[in-house]
């Protein structure tokens, strides 16, 4: 969170600009696929952290 504090708060206009850039780079057709990939990656990351935490107990 310290890095975000360096750039200031990210508001709605900034988020819309970031979304527009992502759409330009990846195209509107690939956005759902990209979202699913990011979501499954986060889910796998969280489960691996939980598994490693359970093994240490």
PDB file of N, CA and C in Angstrom:
ATOM      1  N   UNK A   1       0.809  -1.191   0.000  1.00  0.00           N
ATOM      2  CA  UNK A   1       0.000   0.000   0.000  1.00  0.00           C
ATOM      3  C   UNK A   1       0.856   1.261   0.000  1.00  0.00           C
ATOM      4  N   UNK A   2       2.107   1.139   0.352  1.00  0.00           N
ATOM      5  CA  UNK A   2       2.972   2.312   0.371  1.00  0.00           C
ATOM      6  C   UNK A   2       3.188   2.850  -1.036  1.00  0.00           C
ATOM      7  N   UNK A   3       3.219   1.982  -2.017  1.00  0.00           N
ATOM      8  CA  UNK A   3       3.425   2.420  -3.394  1.00  0.00           C
ATOM      9  C   UNK A   3       2.238   3.241  -3.865  1.00  0.00           C
ATOM     10  N   UNK A   4       1.010   2.811  -3.528  1.00  0.00           N
ATOM     11  CA  UNK A   4      -0.170   3.578  -3.904  1.00  0.00           C
ATOM     12  C   UNK A   4      -0.185   4.939  -3.230  1.00  0.00           C
ATOM     13  N   UNK A   5       0.317   5.006  -2.007  1.00  0.00           N
ATOM     14  CA  UNK A   5       0.364   6.282  -1.307  1.00  0.00           C
ATOM     15  C   UNK A   5       1.316   7.240  -2.011  1.00  0.00           C
ATOM     16  N   UNK A   6       2.313   6.708  -2.681  1.00  0.00           N
ATOM     17  CA  UNK A   6       3.269   7.527  -3.405  1.00  0.00           C
ATOM     18  C   UNK A   6       2.591   8.234  -4.576  1.00  0.00           C
ATOM     19  N   UNK A   7       1.660   7.565  -5.235  1.00  0.00           N
ATOM     20  CA  UNK A   7       0.984   8.135  -6.389  1.00  0.00           C
ATOM     21  C   UNK A   7      -0.319   8.838  -6.026  1.00  0.00           C
ATOM     22  N   UNK A   8      -0.769   8.737  -4.827  1.00  0.00           N
ATOM     23  CA  UNK A   8      -2.012   9.360  -4.403  1.00  0.00           C
ATOM     24  C   UNK A   8      -3.175   8.407  -4.591  1.00  0.00           C
ATOM     25  N   UNK A   9      -4.355   8.847  -4.209  1.00  0.00           N
ATOM     26  CA  UNK A   9      -5.527   7.967  -4.312  1.00  0.00           C
ATOM     27  C   UNK A   9      -5.921   7.730  -5.770  1.00  0.00           C
ATOM     28  N   UNK A  10      -6.381   6.518  -6.046  1.00  0.00           N
ATOM     29  CA  UNK A  10      -6.841   6.170  -7.383  1.00  0.00           C
ATOM     30  C   UNK A  10      -8.355   6.295  -7.385  1.00  0.00           C
ATOM     31  N   UNK A  11      -8.864   7.253  -8.127  1.00  0.00           N
ATOM     32  CA  UNK A  11     -10.292   7.511  -8.164  1.00  0.00           C
ATOM     33  C   UNK A  11     -10.937   6.950  -9.415  1.00  0.00           C
ATOM     34  N   UNK A  12     -12.176   7.295  -9.615  1.00  0.00           N
ATOM     35  CA  UNK A  12     -12.943   6.814 -10.758  1.00  0.00           C
ATOM     36  C   UNK A  12     -12.353   7.253 -12.094  1.00  0.00           C
ATOM     37  N   UNK A  13     -11.946   8.506 -12.267  1.00  0.00           N
ATOM     38  CA  UNK A  13     -11.373   8.881 -13.570  1.00  0.00           C
ATOM     39  C   UNK A  13     -10.106   8.090 -13.918  1.00  0.00           C
ATOM     40  N   UNK A  14      -9.281   7.850 -12.928  1.00  0.00           N
ATOM     41  CA  UNK A  14      -8.060   7.085 -13.174  1.00  0.00           C
ATOM     42  C   UNK A  14      -8.383   5.641 -13.534  1.00  0.00           C
ATOM     43  N   UNK A  15      -9.377   5.066 -12.825  1.00  0.00           N
ATOM     44  CA  UNK A  15      -9.774   3.685 -13.121  1.00  0.00           C
ATOM     45  C   UNK A  15     -10.346   3.568 -14.533  1.00  0.00           C
ATOM     46  N   UNK A  16     -11.107   4.561 -14.973  1.00  0.00           N
ATOM     47  CA  UNK A  16     -11.654   4.539 -16.330  1.00  0.00           C
ATOM     48  C   UNK A  16     -10.549   4.648 -17.381  1.00  0.00           C
ATOM     49  N   UNK A  17      -9.546   5.443 -17.109  1.00  0.00           N
ATOM     50  CA  UNK A  17      -8.418   5.554 -18.037  1.00  0.00           C
ATOM     51  C   UNK A  17      -7.668   4.235 -18.114  1.00  0.00           C
ATOM     52  N   UNK A  18      -7.438   3.590 -16.969  1.00  0.00           N
ATOM     53  CA  UNK A  18      -6.754   2.297 -16.948  1.00  0.00           C
ATOM     54  C   UNK A  18      -7.576   1.255 -17.699  1.00  0.00           C
ATOM     55  N   UNK A  19      -8.892   1.247 -17.495  1.00  0.00           N
ATOM     56  CA  UNK A  19      -9.767   0.311 -18.197  1.00  0.00           C
ATOM     57  C   UNK A  19      -9.716   0.541 -19.706  1.00  0.00           C
ATOM     58  N   UNK A  20      -9.723   1.792 -20.124  1.00  0.00           N
ATOM     59  CA  UNK A  20      -9.651   2.101 -21.556  1.00  0.00           C
ATOM     60  C   UNK A  20      -8.337   1.611 -22.155  1.00  0.00           C
ATOM     61  N   UNK A  21      -7.240   1.772 -21.433  1.00  0.00           N
ATOM     62  CA  UNK A  21      -5.937   1.305 -21.922  1.00  0.00           C
ATOM     63  C   UNK A  21      -5.927  -0.214 -22.032  1.00  0.00           C
ATOM     64  N   UNK A  22      -6.501  -0.904 -21.032  1.00  0.00           N
ATOM     65  CA  UNK A  22      -6.560  -2.367 -21.061  1.00  0.00           C
ATOM     66  C   UNK A  22      -7.398  -2.837 -22.248  1.00  0.00           C
ATOM     67  N   UNK A  23      -8.521  -2.167 -22.513  1.00  0.00           N
ATOM     68  CA  UNK A  23      -9.365  -2.544 -23.653  1.00  0.00           C
ATOM     69  C   UNK A  23      -8.612  -2.318 -24.960  1.00  0.00           C
ATOM     70  N   UNK A  24      -7.860  -1.238 -25.056  1.00  0.00           N
ATOM     71  CA  UNK A  24      -7.085  -0.986 -26.270  1.00  0.00           C
ATOM     72  C   UNK A  24      -6.002  -2.037 -26.482  1.00  0.00           C
ATOM     73  N   UNK A  25      -5.377  -2.460 -25.403  1.00  0.00           N
ATOM     74  CA  UNK A  25      -4.281  -3.429 -25.519  1.00  0.00           C
ATOM     75  C   UNK A  25      -4.812  -4.828 -25.820  1.00  0.00           C
ATOM     76  N   UNK A  26      -5.796  -5.294 -25.058  1.00  0.00           N
ATOM     77  CA  UNK A  26      -6.251  -6.671 -25.169  1.00  0.00           C
ATOM     78  C   UNK A  26      -7.477  -6.838 -26.049  1.00  0.00           C
ATOM     79  N   UNK A  27      -8.239  -5.812 -26.270  1.00  0.00           N
ATOM     80  CA  UNK A  27      -9.471  -5.917 -27.037  1.00  0.00           C
ATOM     81  C   UNK A  27     -10.625  -6.330 -26.146  1.00  0.00           C
ATOM     82  N   UNK A  28     -11.826  -5.894 -26.528  1.00  0.00           N
ATOM     83  CA  UNK A  28     -13.001  -6.142 -25.696  1.00  0.00           C
ATOM     84  C   UNK A  28     -13.374  -7.618 -25.666  1.00  0.00           C
ATOM     85  N   UNK A  29     -13.066  -8.366 -26.705  1.00  0.00           N
ATOM     86  CA  UNK A  29     -13.435  -9.783 -26.757  1.00  0.00           C
ATOM     87  C   UNK A  29     -12.615 -10.636 -25.795  1.00  0.00           C
ATOM     88  N   UNK A  30     -11.414 -10.224 -25.483  1.00  0.00           N
ATOM     89  CA  UNK A  30     -10.554 -11.028 -24.613  1.00  0.00           C
ATOM     90  C   UNK A  30     -10.660 -10.652 -23.146  1.00  0.00           C
ATOM     91  N   UNK A  31     -11.405  -9.608 -22.807  1.00  0.00           N
ATOM     92  CA  UNK A  31     -11.500  -9.185 -21.405  1.00  0.00           C
ATOM     93  C   UNK A  31     -12.080 -10.252 -20.484  1.00  0.00           C
ATOM     94  N   UNK A  32     -13.175 -10.948 -20.848  1.00  0.00           N
ATOM     95  CA  UNK A  32     -13.668 -12.001 -19.943  1.00  0.00           C
ATOM     96  C   UNK A  32     -12.643 -13.114 -19.718  1.00  0.00           C
ATOM     97  N   UNK A  33     -11.945 -13.487 -20.775  1.00  0.00           N
ATOM     98  CA  UNK A  33     -10.909 -14.521 -20.653  1.00  0.00           C
ATOM     99  C   UNK A  33      -9.780 -14.045 -19.743  1.00  0.00           C
ATOM    100  N   UNK A  34      -9.395 -12.809 -19.892  1.00  0.00           N
ATOM    101  CA  UNK A  34      -8.346 -12.236 -19.051  1.00  0.00           C
ATOM    102  C   UNK A  34      -8.781 -12.183 -17.594  1.00  0.00           C
ATOM    103  N   UNK A  35     -10.026 -11.788 -17.350  1.00  0.00           N
ATOM    104  CA  UNK A  35     -10.557 -11.745 -15.987  1.00  0.00           C
ATOM    105  C   UNK A  35     -10.606 -13.110 -15.338  1.00  0.00           C
ATOM    106  N   UNK A  36     -11.044 -14.124 -16.106  1.00  0.00           N
ATOM    107  CA  UNK A  36     -11.071 -15.493 -15.569  1.00  0.00           C
ATOM    108  C   UNK A  36      -9.666 -15.971 -15.227  1.00  0.00           C
ATOM    109  N   UNK A  37      -8.709 -15.657 -16.086  1.00  0.00           N
ATOM    110  CA  UNK A  37      -7.325 -16.069 -15.827  1.00  0.00           C
ATOM    111  C   UNK A  37      -6.758 -15.428 -14.579  1.00  0.00           C
ATOM    112  N   UNK A  38      -7.012 -14.149 -14.408  1.00  0.00           N
ATOM    113  CA  UNK A  38      -6.528 -13.448 -13.217  1.00  0.00           C
ATOM    114  C   UNK A  38      -7.217 -13.985 -11.969  1.00  0.00           C
ATOM    115  N   UNK A  39      -8.534 -14.229 -12.072  1.00  0.00           N
ATOM    116  CA  UNK A  39      -9.281 -14.757 -10.927  1.00  0.00           C
ATOM    117  C   UNK A  39      -8.799 -16.132 -10.507  1.00  0.00           C
ATOM    118  N   UNK A  40      -8.565 -17.002 -11.481  1.00  0.00           N
ATOM    119  CA  UNK A  40      -8.093 -18.350 -11.126  1.00  0.00           C
ATOM    120  C   UNK A  40      -6.671 -18.301 -10.579  1.00  0.00           C
ATOM    121  N   UNK A  41      -5.863 -17.385 -11.073  1.00  0.00           N
ATOM    122  CA  UNK A  41      -4.512 -17.239 -10.533  1.00  0.00           C
ATOM    123  C   UNK A  41      -4.523 -16.784  -9.090  1.00  0.00           C
ATOM    124  N   UNK A  42      -5.392 -15.839  -8.774  1.00  0.00           N
ATOM    125  CA  UNK A  42      -5.517 -15.365  -7.383  1.00  0.00           C
ATOM    126  C   UNK A  42      -6.036 -16.479  -6.496  1.00  0.00           C
ATOM    127  N   UNK A  43      -7.013 -17.255  -7.004  1.00  0.00           N
ATOM    128  CA  UNK A  43      -7.570 -18.365  -6.219  1.00  0.00           C
ATOM    129  C   UNK A  43      -6.505 -19.420  -5.933  1.00  0.00           C
ATOM    130  N   UNK A  44      -5.703 -19.759  -6.941  1.00  0.00           N
ATOM    131  CA  UNK A  44      -4.629 -20.731  -6.743  1.00  0.00           C
ATOM    132  C   UNK A  44      -3.583 -20.208  -5.766  1.00  0.00           C
ATOM    133  N   UNK A  45      -3.275 -18.932  -5.868  1.00  0.00           N
ATOM    134  CA  UNK A  45      -2.292 -18.333  -4.959  1.00  0.00           C
ATOM    135  C   UNK A  45      -2.779 -18.396  -3.521  1.00  0.00           C
ATOM    136  N   UNK A  46      -4.042 -18.029  -3.297  1.00  0.00           N
ATOM    137  CA  UNK A  46      -4.592 -18.063  -1.941  1.00  0.00           C
ATOM    138  C   UNK A  46      -4.642 -19.485  -1.393  1.00  0.00           C
ATOM    139  N   UNK A  47      -5.012 -20.453  -2.224  1.00  0.00           N
ATOM    140  CA  UNK A  47      -5.084 -21.832  -1.738  1.00  0.00           C
ATOM    141  C   UNK A  47      -3.689 -22.375  -1.430  1.00  0.00           C
ATOM    142  N   UNK A  48      -2.684 -21.991  -2.211  1.00  0.00           N
ATOM    143  CA  UNK A  48      -1.334 -22.471  -1.914  1.00  0.00           C
ATOM    144  C   UNK A  48      -0.798 -21.842  -0.634  1.00  0.00           C
ATOM    145  N   UNK A  49      -1.148 -20.581  -0.382  1.00  0.00           N
ATOM    146  CA  UNK A  49      -0.737 -19.955   0.876  1.00  0.00           C
ATOM    147  C   UNK A  49      -1.416 -20.647   2.044  1.00  0.00           C
ATOM    148  N   UNK A  50      -2.713 -20.948   1.897  1.00  0.00           N
ATOM    149  CA  UNK A  50      -3.449 -21.617   2.961  1.00  0.00           C
ATOM    150  C   UNK A  50      -2.877 -23.013   3.204  1.00  0.00           C
ATOM    151  N   UNK A  51      -2.564 -23.747   2.130  1.00  0.00           N
ATOM    152  CA  UNK A  51      -1.997 -25.084   2.264  1.00  0.00           C
ATOM    153  C   UNK A  51      -0.645 -25.046   2.973  1.00  0.00           C
ATOM    154  N   UNK A  52       0.213 -24.083   2.601  1.00  0.00           N
ATOM    155  CA  UNK A  52       1.520 -24.017   3.243  1.00  0.00           C
ATOM    156  C   UNK A  52       1.380 -23.583   4.701  1.00  0.00           C
ATOM    157  N   UNK A  53       0.391 -22.758   4.998  1.00  0.00           N
ATOM    158  CA  UNK A  53       0.156 -22.346   6.388  1.00  0.00           C
ATOM    159  C   UNK A  53      -0.372 -23.520   7.209  1.00  0.00           C
ATOM    160  N   UNK A  54      -1.237 -24.364   6.608  1.00  0.00           N
ATOM    161  CA  UNK A  54      -1.767 -25.530   7.312  1.00  0.00           C
ATOM    162  C   UNK A  54      -0.671 -26.557   7.571  1.00  0.00           C
ATOM    163  N   UNK A  55       0.297 -26.685   6.666  1.00  0.00           N
ATOM    164  CA  UNK A  55       1.370 -27.660   6.841  1.00  0.00           C
ATOM    165  C   UNK A  55       2.323 -27.265   7.962  1.00  0.00           C
ATOM    166  N   UNK A  56       2.469 -25.971   8.208  1.00  0.00           N
ATOM    167  CA  UNK A  56       3.399 -25.524   9.253  1.00  0.00           C
ATOM    168  C   UNK A  56       2.785 -25.654  10.643  1.00  0.00           C
ATOM    169  N   UNK A  57       1.468 -25.759  10.738  1.00  0.00           N
ATOM    170  CA  UNK A  57       0.823 -25.879  12.061  1.00  0.00           C
ATOM    171  C   UNK A  57       0.911 -27.285  12.597  1.00  0.00           C
TER     172      UNK A  57
END
